[in-house]
């Protein structure tokens, strides 16, 4: 069984590209990403080392950055104001298949 078979949800991800002329975050075009989304409250450490509460965990087969914009299934990806920013990101590599699995805490 491969990871792709378990990724039954569809999220949207817009890559962070920098800042615009007004120093607001800028993003590239949103793309669809197959995912497995689970609702679970969990304490995680963010990039600054602070403990923060995550209410969703997302498994994907491609990298999602800490500054990328993420929309969960059913959310309007045309509205950047409704996007979520990952609180933490990690990955593991399956020893048998060599597949890399990314876990994103939102």
C-alpha atoms as a PDB file:
ATOM      1  CA  UNK A   1       0.000   0.000   0.000  1.00  0.00           C
ATOM      2  CA  UNK A   2       1.358   3.414  -0.936  1.00  0.00           C
ATOM      3  CA  UNK A   3       0.823   6.770   0.674  1.00  0.00           C
ATOM      4  CA  UNK A   4      -1.043   8.035  -2.396  1.00  0.00           C
ATOM      5  CA  UNK A   5      -3.870   5.576  -1.704  1.00  0.00           C
ATOM      6  CA  UNK A   6      -4.462   7.145   1.730  1.00  0.00           C
ATOM      7  CA  UNK A   7      -4.521  10.759   0.523  1.00  0.00           C
ATOM      8  CA  UNK A   8      -8.228  11.181  -0.075  1.00  0.00           C
ATOM      9  CA  UNK A   9      -8.657  14.863   0.872  1.00  0.00           C
ATOM     10  CA  UNK A  10      -7.840  17.796  -1.376  1.00  0.00           C
ATOM     11  CA  UNK A  11      -6.238  20.958   0.023  1.00  0.00           C
ATOM     12  CA  UNK A  12      -4.893  24.042  -1.709  1.00  0.00           C
ATOM     13  CA  UNK A  13      -1.408  25.421  -1.140  1.00  0.00           C
ATOM     14  CA  UNK A  14       0.014  28.752  -2.348  1.00  0.00           C
ATOM     15  CA  UNK A  15       3.799  29.019  -2.050  1.00  0.00           C
ATOM     16  CA  UNK A  16       5.247  31.996  -0.219  1.00  0.00           C
ATOM     17  CA  UNK A  17       7.237  34.112  -2.671  1.00  0.00           C
ATOM     18  CA  UNK A  18       8.366  37.035  -0.519  1.00  0.00           C
ATOM     19  CA  UNK A  19       6.875  40.453   0.237  1.00  0.00           C
ATOM     20  CA  UNK A  20       5.092  42.947  -1.966  1.00  0.00           C
ATOM     21  CA  UNK A  21       5.819  46.682  -2.170  1.00  0.00           C
ATOM     22  CA  UNK A  22       3.796  47.247   1.032  1.00  0.00           C
ATOM     23  CA  UNK A  23       5.755  44.548   2.922  1.00  0.00           C
ATOM     24  CA  UNK A  24       2.764  42.211   2.999  1.00  0.00           C
ATOM     25  CA  UNK A  25       3.460  38.512   2.356  1.00  0.00           C
ATOM     26  CA  UNK A  26       3.149  37.552  -1.325  1.00  0.00           C
ATOM     27  CA  UNK A  27       2.161  34.129  -2.626  1.00  0.00           C
ATOM     28  CA  UNK A  28       2.268  32.260  -5.919  1.00  0.00           C
ATOM     29  CA  UNK A  29      -0.722  30.593  -7.522  1.00  0.00           C
ATOM     30  CA  UNK A  30      -2.608  28.117  -5.348  1.00  0.00           C
ATOM     31  CA  UNK A  31      -2.311  24.473  -6.401  1.00  0.00           C
ATOM     32  CA  UNK A  32      -4.293  21.402  -5.404  1.00  0.00           C
ATOM     33  CA  UNK A  33      -2.501  18.894  -3.196  1.00  0.00           C
ATOM     34  CA  UNK A  34      -3.774  15.458  -2.212  1.00  0.00           C
ATOM     35  CA  UNK A  35      -3.733  15.104   1.558  1.00  0.00           C
ATOM     36  CA  UNK A  36      -5.014  13.308   4.613  1.00  0.00           C
ATOM     37  CA  UNK A  37      -6.480  15.837   7.061  1.00  0.00           C
ATOM     38  CA  UNK A  38      -7.124  14.941  10.695  1.00  0.00           C
ATOM     39  CA  UNK A  39      -8.611  17.148  13.387  1.00  0.00           C
ATOM     40  CA  UNK A  40      -6.578  16.768  16.559  1.00  0.00           C
ATOM     41  CA  UNK A  41      -5.610  19.259  19.254  1.00  0.00           C
ATOM     42  CA  UNK A  42      -1.896  18.997  19.939  1.00  0.00           C
ATOM     43  CA  UNK A  43       0.893  21.125  21.391  1.00  0.00           C
ATOM     44  CA  UNK A  44       3.741  21.604  18.917  1.00  0.00           C
ATOM     45  CA  UNK A  45       6.823  23.787  18.789  1.00  0.00           C
ATOM     46  CA  UNK A  46       6.871  26.474  16.117  1.00  0.00           C
ATOM     47  CA  UNK A  47       9.968  27.733  14.283  1.00  0.00           C
ATOM     48  CA  UNK A  48      10.745  30.100  17.188  1.00  0.00           C
ATOM     49  CA  UNK A  49      10.690  27.206  19.688  1.00  0.00           C
ATOM     50  CA  UNK A  50       7.445  28.317  21.334  1.00  0.00           C
ATOM     51  CA  UNK A  51       4.710  25.837  22.229  1.00  0.00           C
ATOM     52  CA  UNK A  52       1.565  26.523  20.189  1.00  0.00           C
ATOM     53  CA  UNK A  53      -1.715  24.665  19.795  1.00  0.00           C
ATOM     54  CA  UNK A  54      -2.382  22.879  16.519  1.00  0.00           C
ATOM     55  CA  UNK A  55      -5.943  21.822  15.712  1.00  0.00           C
ATOM     56  CA  UNK A  56      -5.265  20.022  12.402  1.00  0.00           C
ATOM     57  CA  UNK A  57      -2.609  17.667  11.112  1.00  0.00           C
ATOM     58  CA  UNK A  58      -2.160  17.244   7.383  1.00  0.00           C
ATOM     59  CA  UNK A  59      -0.169  14.467   5.683  1.00  0.00           C
ATOM     60  CA  UNK A  60       1.036  15.121   2.123  1.00  0.00           C
ATOM     61  CA  UNK A  61       3.528  13.623  -0.317  1.00  0.00           C
ATOM     62  CA  UNK A  62       5.140  16.960  -1.227  1.00  0.00           C
ATOM     63  CA  UNK A  63       6.850  19.693   0.725  1.00  0.00           C
ATOM     64  CA  UNK A  64       4.832  22.509   2.252  1.00  0.00           C
ATOM     65  CA  UNK A  65       6.798  25.398   3.728  1.00  0.00           C
ATOM     66  CA  UNK A  66       6.234  27.178   7.034  1.00  0.00           C
ATOM     67  CA  UNK A  67       5.288  30.405   5.227  1.00  0.00           C
ATOM     68  CA  UNK A  68       3.025  28.844   2.587  1.00  0.00           C
ATOM     69  CA  UNK A  69      -0.720  29.538   2.625  1.00  0.00           C
ATOM     70  CA  UNK A  70      -2.904  26.443   3.156  1.00  0.00           C
ATOM     71  CA  UNK A  71      -6.652  26.029   2.676  1.00  0.00           C
ATOM     72  CA  UNK A  72      -8.420  22.959   4.071  1.00  0.00           C
ATOM     73  CA  UNK A  73     -11.106  21.063   2.130  1.00  0.00           C
ATOM     74  CA  UNK A  74     -14.159  23.240   1.496  1.00  0.00           C
ATOM     75  CA  UNK A  75     -12.390  26.541   2.187  1.00  0.00           C
ATOM     76  CA  UNK A  76     -12.320  29.306  -0.441  1.00  0.00           C
ATOM     77  CA  UNK A  77      -8.757  29.321  -1.791  1.00  0.00           C
ATOM     78  CA  UNK A  78      -9.467  32.539  -3.717  1.00  0.00           C
ATOM     79  CA  UNK A  79      -9.620  34.382  -0.367  1.00  0.00           C
ATOM     80  CA  UNK A  80      -6.067  34.732   1.010  1.00  0.00           C
ATOM     81  CA  UNK A  81      -7.581  35.960   4.283  1.00  0.00           C
ATOM     82  CA  UNK A  82      -9.005  32.485   4.904  1.00  0.00           C
ATOM     83  CA  UNK A  83      -5.669  30.742   4.412  1.00  0.00           C
ATOM     84  CA  UNK A  84      -3.862  29.094   7.296  1.00  0.00           C
ATOM     85  CA  UNK A  85      -0.131  29.238   7.905  1.00  0.00           C
ATOM     86  CA  UNK A  86       1.591  26.069   9.131  1.00  0.00           C
ATOM     87  CA  UNK A  87       2.679  26.162  12.774  1.00  0.00           C
ATOM     88  CA  UNK A  88       5.184  23.360  12.288  1.00  0.00           C
ATOM     89  CA  UNK A  89       6.334  21.063   9.480  1.00  0.00           C
ATOM     90  CA  UNK A  90       8.187  17.767   9.590  1.00  0.00           C
ATOM     91  CA  UNK A  91       8.827  14.752   7.407  1.00  0.00           C
ATOM     92  CA  UNK A  92       9.745  11.102   7.546  1.00  0.00           C
ATOM     93  CA  UNK A  93      10.937   8.670   4.900  1.00  0.00           C
ATOM     94  CA  UNK A  94       9.349   5.222   4.624  1.00  0.00           C
ATOM     95  CA  UNK A  95      12.154   2.677   5.020  1.00  0.00           C
ATOM     96  CA  UNK A  96      10.601   0.169   2.584  1.00  0.00           C
ATOM     97  CA  UNK A  97       9.295   2.346  -0.236  1.00  0.00           C
ATOM     98  CA  UNK A  98      11.574   5.365   0.171  1.00  0.00           C
ATOM     99  CA  UNK A  99       8.520   7.645  -0.014  1.00  0.00           C
ATOM    100  CA  UNK A 100       8.841  10.910   1.884  1.00  0.00           C
ATOM    101  CA  UNK A 101       5.793  11.891   3.934  1.00  0.00           C
ATOM    102  CA  UNK A 102       5.335  15.478   5.086  1.00  0.00           C
ATOM    103  CA  UNK A 103       3.306  16.287   8.198  1.00  0.00           C
ATOM    104  CA  UNK A 104       2.008  19.812   8.580  1.00  0.00           C
ATOM    105  CA  UNK A 105       0.490  21.104  11.822  1.00  0.00           C
ATOM    106  CA  UNK A 106      -2.068  23.902  11.400  1.00  0.00           C
END
